[in-house]
């Protein structure tokens, strides 16, 4: 018999929890430190899935000194666009 591995997908609540923490403490911690600061326990593999999603969707970036920086700001972008800035 072959073993099947279960893939655990993060819940929306988990994704929001990680997003909120990174937004609030942007550029203060590394990836691992953010995981340790989460208000609820979460498997590291689940956290990594969320982190990869945030990286791939360009909501966050990792700086040269390994700090996690929150980038996503739709309200700020809308404000800039209203001021007349042209986008190519």
PDB file of N, CA and C in Angstrom:
ATOM      1  N   UNK A   1       0.838  -1.191   0.000  1.00  0.00           N
ATOM      2  CA  UNK A   1       0.000   0.000   0.000  1.00  0.00           C
ATOM      3  C   UNK A   1       0.880   1.250   0.000  1.00  0.00           C
ATOM      4  N   UNK A   2       0.464   2.209  -0.729  1.00  0.00           N
ATOM      5  CA  UNK A   2       1.214   3.463  -0.751  1.00  0.00           C
ATOM      6  C   UNK A   2       0.637   4.434   0.278  1.00  0.00           C
ATOM      7  N   UNK A   3       1.516   5.199   0.846  1.00  0.00           N
ATOM      8  CA  UNK A   3       1.084   6.194   1.822  1.00  0.00           C
ATOM      9  C   UNK A   3       0.659   7.455   1.080  1.00  0.00           C
ATOM     10  N   UNK A   4      -0.413   8.024   1.529  1.00  0.00           N
ATOM     11  CA  UNK A   4      -0.828   9.308   0.981  1.00  0.00           C
ATOM     12  C   UNK A   4      -0.564  10.378   2.031  1.00  0.00           C
ATOM     13  N   UNK A   5      -0.061  11.464   1.577  1.00  0.00           N
ATOM     14  CA  UNK A   5       0.213  12.541   2.515  1.00  0.00           C
ATOM     15  C   UNK A   5      -0.911  13.557   2.457  1.00  0.00           C
ATOM     16  N   UNK A   6      -1.314  14.006   3.623  1.00  0.00           N
ATOM     17  CA  UNK A   6      -2.343  15.022   3.702  1.00  0.00           C
ATOM     18  C   UNK A   6      -1.686  16.385   3.569  1.00  0.00           C
ATOM     19  N   UNK A   7      -2.249  17.185   2.725  1.00  0.00           N
ATOM     20  CA  UNK A   7      -1.763  18.550   2.596  1.00  0.00           C
ATOM     21  C   UNK A   7      -2.731  19.428   3.376  1.00  0.00           C
ATOM     22  N   UNK A   8      -2.201  20.107   4.366  1.00  0.00           N
ATOM     23  CA  UNK A   8      -3.011  20.979   5.198  1.00  0.00           C
ATOM     24  C   UNK A   8      -3.019  22.376   4.609  1.00  0.00           C
ATOM     25  N   UNK A   9      -4.203  22.852   4.288  1.00  0.00           N
ATOM     26  CA  UNK A   9      -4.319  24.206   3.752  1.00  0.00           C
ATOM     27  C   UNK A   9      -4.663  25.167   4.883  1.00  0.00           C
ATOM     28  N   UNK A  10      -4.044  26.334   4.872  1.00  0.00           N
ATOM     29  CA  UNK A  10      -4.345  27.306   5.919  1.00  0.00           C
ATOM     30  C   UNK A  10      -5.772  27.826   5.800  1.00  0.00           C
ATOM     31  N   UNK A  11      -6.368  28.148   6.926  1.00  0.00           N
ATOM     32  CA  UNK A  11      -7.708  28.726   6.919  1.00  0.00           C
ATOM     33  C   UNK A  11      -7.601  30.226   6.668  1.00  0.00           C
ATOM     34  N   UNK A  12      -8.705  30.823   6.296  1.00  0.00           N
ATOM     35  CA  UNK A  12      -8.732  32.260   6.072  1.00  0.00           C
ATOM     36  C   UNK A  12      -8.367  33.002   7.359  1.00  0.00           C
ATOM     37  N   UNK A  13      -8.853  32.523   8.488  1.00  0.00           N
ATOM     38  CA  UNK A  13      -8.524  33.144   9.780  1.00  0.00           C
ATOM     39  C   UNK A  13      -7.016  33.136  10.022  1.00  0.00           C
ATOM     40  N   UNK A  14      -6.353  32.046   9.657  1.00  0.00           N
ATOM     41  CA  UNK A  14      -4.900  31.951   9.841  1.00  0.00           C
ATOM     42  C   UNK A  14      -4.172  32.938   8.940  1.00  0.00           C
ATOM     43  N   UNK A  15      -4.614  33.043   7.712  1.00  0.00           N
ATOM     44  CA  UNK A  15      -3.991  33.972   6.766  1.00  0.00           C
ATOM     45  C   UNK A  15      -4.135  35.408   7.271  1.00  0.00           C
ATOM     46  N   UNK A  16      -5.333  35.756   7.712  1.00  0.00           N
ATOM     47  CA  UNK A  16      -5.588  37.103   8.218  1.00  0.00           C
ATOM     48  C   UNK A  16      -4.751  37.380   9.458  1.00  0.00           C
ATOM     49  N   UNK A  17      -4.622  36.395  10.337  1.00  0.00           N
ATOM     50  CA  UNK A  17      -3.820  36.560  11.546  1.00  0.00           C
ATOM     51  C   UNK A  17      -2.361  36.892  11.199  1.00  0.00           C
ATOM     52  N   UNK A  18      -1.802  36.169  10.240  1.00  0.00           N
ATOM     53  CA  UNK A  18      -0.415  36.410   9.828  1.00  0.00           C
ATOM     54  C   UNK A  18      -0.298  37.782   9.155  1.00  0.00           C
ATOM     55  N   UNK A  19      -1.230  38.100   8.259  1.00  0.00           N
ATOM     56  CA  UNK A  19      -1.206  39.393   7.581  1.00  0.00           C
ATOM     57  C   UNK A  19      -1.255  40.547   8.580  1.00  0.00           C
ATOM     58  N   UNK A  20      -2.160  40.470   9.538  1.00  0.00           N
ATOM     59  CA  UNK A  20      -2.325  41.549  10.515  1.00  0.00           C
ATOM     60  C   UNK A  20      -1.065  41.754  11.344  1.00  0.00           C
ATOM     61  N   UNK A  21      -0.440  40.667  11.756  1.00  0.00           N
ATOM     62  CA  UNK A  21       0.779  40.782  12.549  1.00  0.00           C
ATOM     63  C   UNK A  21       1.901  41.419  11.737  1.00  0.00           C
ATOM     64  N   UNK A  22       2.061  40.977  10.495  1.00  0.00           N
ATOM     65  CA  UNK A  22       3.132  41.530   9.655  1.00  0.00           C
ATOM     66  C   UNK A  22       2.855  43.002   9.339  1.00  0.00           C
ATOM     67  N   UNK A  23       1.585  43.355   9.082  1.00  0.00           N
ATOM     68  CA  UNK A  23       1.229  44.752   8.836  1.00  0.00           C
ATOM     69  C   UNK A  23       1.601  45.625  10.029  1.00  0.00           C
ATOM     70  N   UNK A  24       1.239  45.144  11.211  1.00  0.00           N
ATOM     71  CA  UNK A  24       1.434  45.901  12.444  1.00  0.00           C
ATOM     72  C   UNK A  24       2.908  46.058  12.800  1.00  0.00           C
ATOM     73  N   UNK A  25       3.706  45.029  12.567  1.00  0.00           N
ATOM     74  CA  UNK A  25       5.108  45.019  12.998  1.00  0.00           C
ATOM     75  C   UNK A  25       6.082  44.959  11.817  1.00  0.00           C
ATOM     76  N   UNK A  26       5.694  45.521  10.692  1.00  0.00           N
ATOM     77  CA  UNK A  26       6.502  45.485   9.479  1.00  0.00           C
ATOM     78  C   UNK A  26       7.930  45.952   9.733  1.00  0.00           C
ATOM     79  N   UNK A  27       8.886  45.202   9.188  1.00  0.00           N
ATOM     80  CA  UNK A  27      10.325  45.510   9.243  1.00  0.00           C
ATOM     81  C   UNK A  27      10.934  45.353  10.630  1.00  0.00           C
ATOM     82  N   UNK A  28      10.219  44.737  11.576  1.00  0.00           N
ATOM     83  CA  UNK A  28      10.765  44.538  12.917  1.00  0.00           C
ATOM     84  C   UNK A  28      11.355  43.149  13.120  1.00  0.00           C
ATOM     85  N   UNK A  29      10.811  42.155  12.428  1.00  0.00           N
ATOM     86  CA  UNK A  29      11.183  40.770  12.690  1.00  0.00           C
ATOM     87  C   UNK A  29      11.536  40.015  11.410  1.00  0.00           C
ATOM     88  N   UNK A  30      12.185  38.874  11.593  1.00  0.00           N
ATOM     89  CA  UNK A  30      12.463  37.959  10.495  1.00  0.00           C
ATOM     90  C   UNK A  30      11.275  37.009  10.334  1.00  0.00           C
ATOM     91  N   UNK A  31      11.319  36.202   9.302  1.00  0.00           N
ATOM     92  CA  UNK A  31      10.251  35.231   9.043  1.00  0.00           C
ATOM     93  C   UNK A  31      10.010  34.339  10.264  1.00  0.00           C
ATOM     94  N   UNK A  32      11.067  33.768  10.794  1.00  0.00           N
ATOM     95  CA  UNK A  32      10.939  32.862  11.936  1.00  0.00           C
ATOM     96  C   UNK A  32      10.442  33.607  13.175  1.00  0.00           C
ATOM     97  N   UNK A  33      10.935  34.816  13.402  1.00  0.00           N
ATOM     98  CA  UNK A  33      10.509  35.588  14.563  1.00  0.00           C
ATOM     99  C   UNK A  33       9.027  35.931  14.494  1.00  0.00           C
ATOM    100  N   UNK A  34       8.525  36.237  13.296  1.00  0.00           N
ATOM    101  CA  UNK A  34       7.085  36.489  13.146  1.00  0.00           C
ATOM    102  C   UNK A  34       6.284  35.246  13.525  1.00  0.00           C
ATOM    103  N   UNK A  35       6.745  34.091  13.107  1.00  0.00           N
ATOM    104  CA  UNK A  35       6.040  32.845  13.443  1.00  0.00           C
ATOM    105  C   UNK A  35       5.956  32.680  14.959  1.00  0.00           C
ATOM    106  N   UNK A  36       7.043  32.965  15.664  1.00  0.00           N
ATOM    107  CA  UNK A  36       7.071  32.844  17.123  1.00  0.00           C
ATOM    108  C   UNK A  36       6.176  33.885  17.807  1.00  0.00           C
ATOM    109  N   UNK A  37       5.907  35.017  17.141  1.00  0.00           N
ATOM    110  CA  UNK A  37       5.107  36.105  17.720  1.00  0.00           C
ATOM    111  C   UNK A  37       3.604  35.964  17.452  1.00  0.00           C
ATOM    112  N   UNK A  38       3.207  34.961  16.677  1.00  0.00           N
ATOM    113  CA  UNK A  38       1.786  34.805  16.369  1.00  0.00           C
ATOM    114  C   UNK A  38       0.972  34.637  17.652  1.00  0.00           C
ATOM    115  N   UNK A  39      -0.227  35.249  17.715  1.00  0.00           N
ATOM    116  CA  UNK A  39      -1.036  35.151  18.933  1.00  0.00           C
ATOM    117  C   UNK A  39      -1.570  33.736  19.216  1.00  0.00           C
ATOM    118  N   UNK A  40      -1.689  32.921  18.169  1.00  0.00           N
ATOM    119  CA  UNK A  40      -2.120  31.524  18.327  1.00  0.00           C
ATOM    120  C   UNK A  40      -1.060  30.611  17.735  1.00  0.00           C
ATOM    121  N   UNK A  41      -0.931  29.428  18.279  1.00  0.00           N
ATOM    122  CA  UNK A  41       0.031  28.448  17.749  1.00  0.00           C
ATOM    123  C   UNK A  41      -0.402  28.019  16.350  1.00  0.00           C
ATOM    124  N   UNK A  42       0.592  27.782  15.508  1.00  0.00           N
ATOM    125  CA  UNK A  42       0.342  27.334  14.143  1.00  0.00           C
ATOM    126  C   UNK A  42       1.518  26.467  13.731  1.00  0.00           C
ATOM    127  N   UNK A  43       1.237  25.403  12.988  1.00  0.00           N
ATOM    128  CA  UNK A  43       2.322  24.572  12.480  1.00  0.00           C
ATOM    129  C   UNK A  43       3.208  25.427  11.562  1.00  0.00           C
ATOM    130  N   UNK A  44       4.519  25.196  11.645  1.00  0.00           N
ATOM    131  CA  UNK A  44       5.454  25.997  10.839  1.00  0.00           C
ATOM    132  C   UNK A  44       5.210  25.781   9.347  1.00  0.00           C
ATOM    133  N   UNK A  45       4.847  24.555   8.955  1.00  0.00           N
ATOM    134  CA  UNK A  45       4.581  24.272   7.540  1.00  0.00           C
ATOM    135  C   UNK A  45       3.396  25.098   7.038  1.00  0.00           C
ATOM    136  N   UNK A  46       2.375  25.229   7.874  1.00  0.00           N
ATOM    137  CA  UNK A  46       1.208  26.033   7.508  1.00  0.00           C
ATOM    138  C   UNK A  46       1.608  27.492   7.385  1.00  0.00           C
ATOM    139  N   UNK A  47       2.387  27.969   8.332  1.00  0.00           N
ATOM    140  CA  UNK A  47       2.883  29.340   8.309  1.00  0.00           C
ATOM    141  C   UNK A  47       3.704  29.589   7.038  1.00  0.00           C
ATOM    142  N   UNK A  48       4.535  28.635   6.662  1.00  0.00           N
ATOM    143  CA  UNK A  48       5.350  28.775   5.450  1.00  0.00           C
ATOM    144  C   UNK A  48       4.493  28.874   4.201  1.00  0.00           C
ATOM    145  N   UNK A  49       3.388  28.134   4.161  1.00  0.00           N
ATOM    146  CA  UNK A  49       2.474  28.236   3.021  1.00  0.00           C
ATOM    147  C   UNK A  49       1.895  29.648   2.929  1.00  0.00           C
ATOM    148  N   UNK A  50       1.487  30.193   4.067  1.00  0.00           N
ATOM    149  CA  UNK A  50       0.937  31.545   4.100  1.00  0.00           C
ATOM    150  C   UNK A  50       2.012  32.546   3.693  1.00  0.00           C
ATOM    151  N   UNK A  51       3.204  32.389   4.238  1.00  0.00           N
ATOM    152  CA  UNK A  51       4.315  33.295   3.940  1.00  0.00           C
ATOM    153  C   UNK A  51       4.632  33.275   2.445  1.00  0.00           C
ATOM    154  N   UNK A  52       4.682  32.090   1.851  1.00  0.00           N
ATOM    155  CA  UNK A  52       4.944  31.975   0.412  1.00  0.00           C
ATOM    156  C   UNK A  52       3.850  32.645  -0.411  1.00  0.00           C
ATOM    157  N   UNK A  53       2.602  32.482   0.026  1.00  0.00           N
ATOM    158  CA  UNK A  53       1.480  33.136  -0.656  1.00  0.00           C
ATOM    159  C   UNK A  53       1.655  34.655  -0.623  1.00  0.00           C
ATOM    160  N   UNK A  54       2.006  35.202   0.558  1.00  0.00           N
ATOM    161  CA  UNK A  54       2.180  36.650   0.694  1.00  0.00           C
ATOM    162  C   UNK A  54       3.354  37.153  -0.145  1.00  0.00           C
ATOM    163  N   UNK A  55       4.419  36.371  -0.219  1.00  0.00           N
ATOM    164  CA  UNK A  55       5.565  36.739  -1.065  1.00  0.00           C
ATOM    165  C   UNK A  55       5.182  36.727  -2.538  1.00  0.00           C
ATOM    166  N   UNK A  56       4.533  35.653  -2.980  1.00  0.00           N
ATOM    167  CA  UNK A  56       4.167  35.502  -4.391  1.00  0.00           C
ATOM    168  C   UNK A  56       3.129  36.522  -4.838  1.00  0.00           C
ATOM    169  N   UNK A  57       2.270  36.956  -3.914  1.00  0.00           N
ATOM    170  CA  UNK A  57       1.263  37.959  -4.264  1.00  0.00           C
ATOM    171  C   UNK A  57       1.805  39.377  -4.082  1.00  0.00           C
ATOM    172  N   UNK A  58       3.083  39.480  -3.732  1.00  0.00           N
ATOM    173  CA  UNK A  58       3.798  40.739  -3.565  1.00  0.00           C
ATOM    174  C   UNK A  58       3.191  41.645  -2.499  1.00  0.00           C
ATOM    175  N   UNK A  59       2.632  41.021  -1.459  1.00  0.00           N
ATOM    176  CA  UNK A  59       2.141  41.784  -0.315  1.00  0.00           C
ATOM    177  C   UNK A  59       3.269  42.038   0.678  1.00  0.00           C
ATOM    178  N   UNK A  60       4.296  41.184   0.651  1.00  0.00           N
ATOM    179  CA  UNK A  60       5.446  41.349   1.532  1.00  0.00           C
ATOM    180  C   UNK A  60       6.726  41.152   0.736  1.00  0.00           C
ATOM    181  N   UNK A  61       7.834  41.567   1.332  1.00  0.00           N
ATOM    182  CA  UNK A  61       9.148  41.266   0.780  1.00  0.00           C
ATOM    183  C   UNK A  61      10.100  41.049   1.949  1.00  0.00           C
ATOM    184  N   UNK A  62      11.215  40.398   1.683  1.00  0.00           N
ATOM    185  CA  UNK A  62      12.232  40.172   2.691  1.00  0.00           C
ATOM    186  C   UNK A  62      13.432  41.047   2.326  1.00  0.00           C
ATOM    187  N   UNK A  63      13.868  41.863   3.283  1.00  0.00           N
ATOM    188  CA  UNK A  63      14.987  42.775   3.048  1.00  0.00           C
ATOM    189  C   UNK A  63      16.306  42.015   3.108  1.00  0.00           C
ATOM    190  N   UNK A  64      17.389  42.704   2.771  1.00  0.00           N
ATOM    191  CA  UNK A  64      18.719  42.083   2.805  1.00  0.00           C
ATOM    192  C   UNK A  64      19.095  41.576   4.194  1.00  0.00           C
ATOM    193  N   UNK A  65      18.613  42.262   5.229  1.00  0.00           N
ATOM    194  CA  UNK A  65      18.918  41.813   6.595  1.00  0.00           C
ATOM    195  C   UNK A  65      17.854  40.855   7.140  1.00  0.00           C
ATOM    196  N   UNK A  66      17.087  40.254   6.211  1.00  0.00           N
ATOM    197  CA  UNK A  66      16.115  39.194   6.490  1.00  0.00           C
ATOM    198  C   UNK A  66      14.859  39.659   7.229  1.00  0.00           C
ATOM    199  N   UNK A  67      14.634  40.967   7.319  1.00  0.00           N
ATOM    200  CA  UNK A  67      13.416  41.492   7.941  1.00  0.00           C
ATOM    201  C   UNK A  67      12.274  41.428   6.934  1.00  0.00           C
ATOM    202  N   UNK A  68      11.062  41.187   7.434  1.00  0.00           N
ATOM    203  CA  UNK A  68       9.885  41.088   6.582  1.00  0.00           C
ATOM    204  C   UNK A  68       9.207  42.453   6.533  1.00  0.00           C
ATOM    205  N   UNK A  69       8.945  42.919   5.330  1.00  0.00           N
ATOM    206  CA  UNK A  69       8.391  44.243   5.110  1.00  0.00           C
ATOM    207  C   UNK A  69       7.035  44.128   4.435  1.00  0.00           C
ATOM    208  N   UNK A  70       6.013  44.784   4.984  1.00  0.00           N
ATOM    209  CA  UNK A  70       4.669  44.787   4.410  1.00  0.00           C
ATOM    210  C   UNK A  70       4.621  45.812   3.283  1.00  0.00           C
ATOM    211  N   UNK A  71       4.165  45.427   2.089  1.00  0.00           N
ATOM    212  CA  UNK A  71       4.127  46.298   0.921  1.00  0.00           C
ATOM    213  C   UNK A  71       2.717  46.698   0.497  1.00  0.00           C
ATOM    214  N   UNK A  72       1.757  45.843   0.722  1.00  0.00           N
ATOM    215  CA  UNK A  72       0.421  45.997   0.158  1.00  0.00           C
ATOM    216  C   UNK A  72      -0.320  47.165   0.817  1.00  0.00           C
ATOM    217  N   UNK A  73      -0.681  48.175   0.024  1.00  0.00           N
ATOM    218  CA  UNK A  73      -1.366  49.353   0.541  1.00  0.00           C
ATOM    219  C   UNK A  73      -2.330  49.903  -0.509  1.00  0.00           C
ATOM    220  N   UNK A  74      -3.492  49.264  -0.692  1.00  0.00           N
ATOM    221  CA  UNK A  74      -4.409  49.713  -1.746  1.00  0.00           C
ATOM    222  C   UNK A  74      -4.954  51.124  -1.512  1.00  0.00           C
ATOM    223  N   UNK A  75      -5.163  51.526  -0.260  1.00  0.00           N
ATOM    224  CA  UNK A  75      -5.666  52.874   0.023  1.00  0.00           C
ATOM    225  C   UNK A  75      -4.616  53.920  -0.353  1.00  0.00           C
ATOM    226  N   UNK A  76      -3.370  53.633  -0.033  1.00  0.00           N
ATOM    227  CA  UNK A  76      -2.288  54.551  -0.382  1.00  0.00           C
ATOM    228  C   UNK A  76      -2.125  54.678  -1.885  1.00  0.00           C
ATOM    229  N   UNK A  77      -2.247  53.558  -2.573  1.00  0.00           N
ATOM    230  CA  UNK A  77      -2.134  53.569  -4.038  1.00  0.00           C
ATOM    231  C   UNK A  77      -3.287  54.355  -4.652  1.00  0.00           C
ATOM    232  N   UNK A  78      -4.504  54.159  -4.130  1.00  0.00           N
ATOM    233  CA  UNK A  78      -5.665  54.891  -4.637  1.00  0.00           C
ATOM    234  C   UNK A  78      -5.481  56.397  -4.429  1.00  0.00           C
ATOM    235  N   UNK A  79      -4.933  56.785  -3.295  1.00  0.00           N
ATOM    236  CA  UNK A  79      -4.680  58.200  -3.001  1.00  0.00           C
ATOM    237  C   UNK A  79      -3.671  58.789  -3.995  1.00  0.00           C
ATOM    238  N   UNK A  80      -2.624  58.033  -4.281  1.00  0.00           N
ATOM    239  CA  UNK A  80      -1.609  58.487  -5.237  1.00  0.00           C
ATOM    240  C   UNK A  80      -2.215  58.627  -6.637  1.00  0.00           C
ATOM    241  N   UNK A  81      -3.036  57.647  -7.022  1.00  0.00           N
ATOM    242  CA  UNK A  81      -3.648  57.691  -8.347  1.00  0.00           C
ATOM    243  C   UNK A  81      -4.604  58.886  -8.472  1.00  0.00           C
ATOM    244  N   UNK A  82      -5.324  59.205  -7.395  1.00  0.00           N
ATOM    245  CA  UNK A  82      -6.240  60.358  -7.430  1.00  0.00           C
ATOM    246  C   UNK A  82      -5.487  61.670  -7.594  1.00  0.00           C
ATOM    247  N   UNK A  83      -4.228  61.685  -7.141  1.00  0.00           N
ATOM    248  CA  UNK A  83      -3.448  62.926  -7.237  1.00  0.00           C
ATOM    249  C   UNK A  83      -2.964  63.193  -8.661  1.00  0.00           C
ATOM    250  N   UNK A  84      -3.198  62.259  -9.564  1.00  0.00           N
ATOM    251  CA  UNK A  84      -2.879  62.483 -10.966  1.00  0.00           C
ATOM    252  C   UNK A  84      -1.620  61.803 -11.464  1.00  0.00           C
ATOM    253  N   UNK A  85      -1.061  60.919 -10.693  1.00  0.00           N
ATOM    254  CA  UNK A  85       0.135  60.201 -11.120  1.00  0.00           C
ATOM    255  C   UNK A  85      -0.246  59.255 -12.251  1.00  0.00           C
ATOM    256  N   UNK A  86       0.541  59.271 -13.309  1.00  0.00           N
ATOM    257  CA  UNK A  86       0.298  58.398 -14.467  1.00  0.00           C
ATOM    258  C   UNK A  86       1.036  57.079 -14.307  1.00  0.00           C
ATOM    259  N   UNK A  87       0.378  56.006 -14.679  1.00  0.00           N
ATOM    260  CA  UNK A  87       0.975  54.667 -14.620  1.00  0.00           C
ATOM    261  C   UNK A  87       1.051  54.123 -16.032  1.00  0.00           C
ATOM    262  N   UNK A  88       2.176  53.490 -16.330  1.00  0.00           N
ATOM    263  CA  UNK A  88       2.317  52.894 -17.663  1.00  0.00           C
ATOM    264  C   UNK A  88       1.675  51.557 -17.707  1.00  0.00           C
TER     265      UNK A  88
END
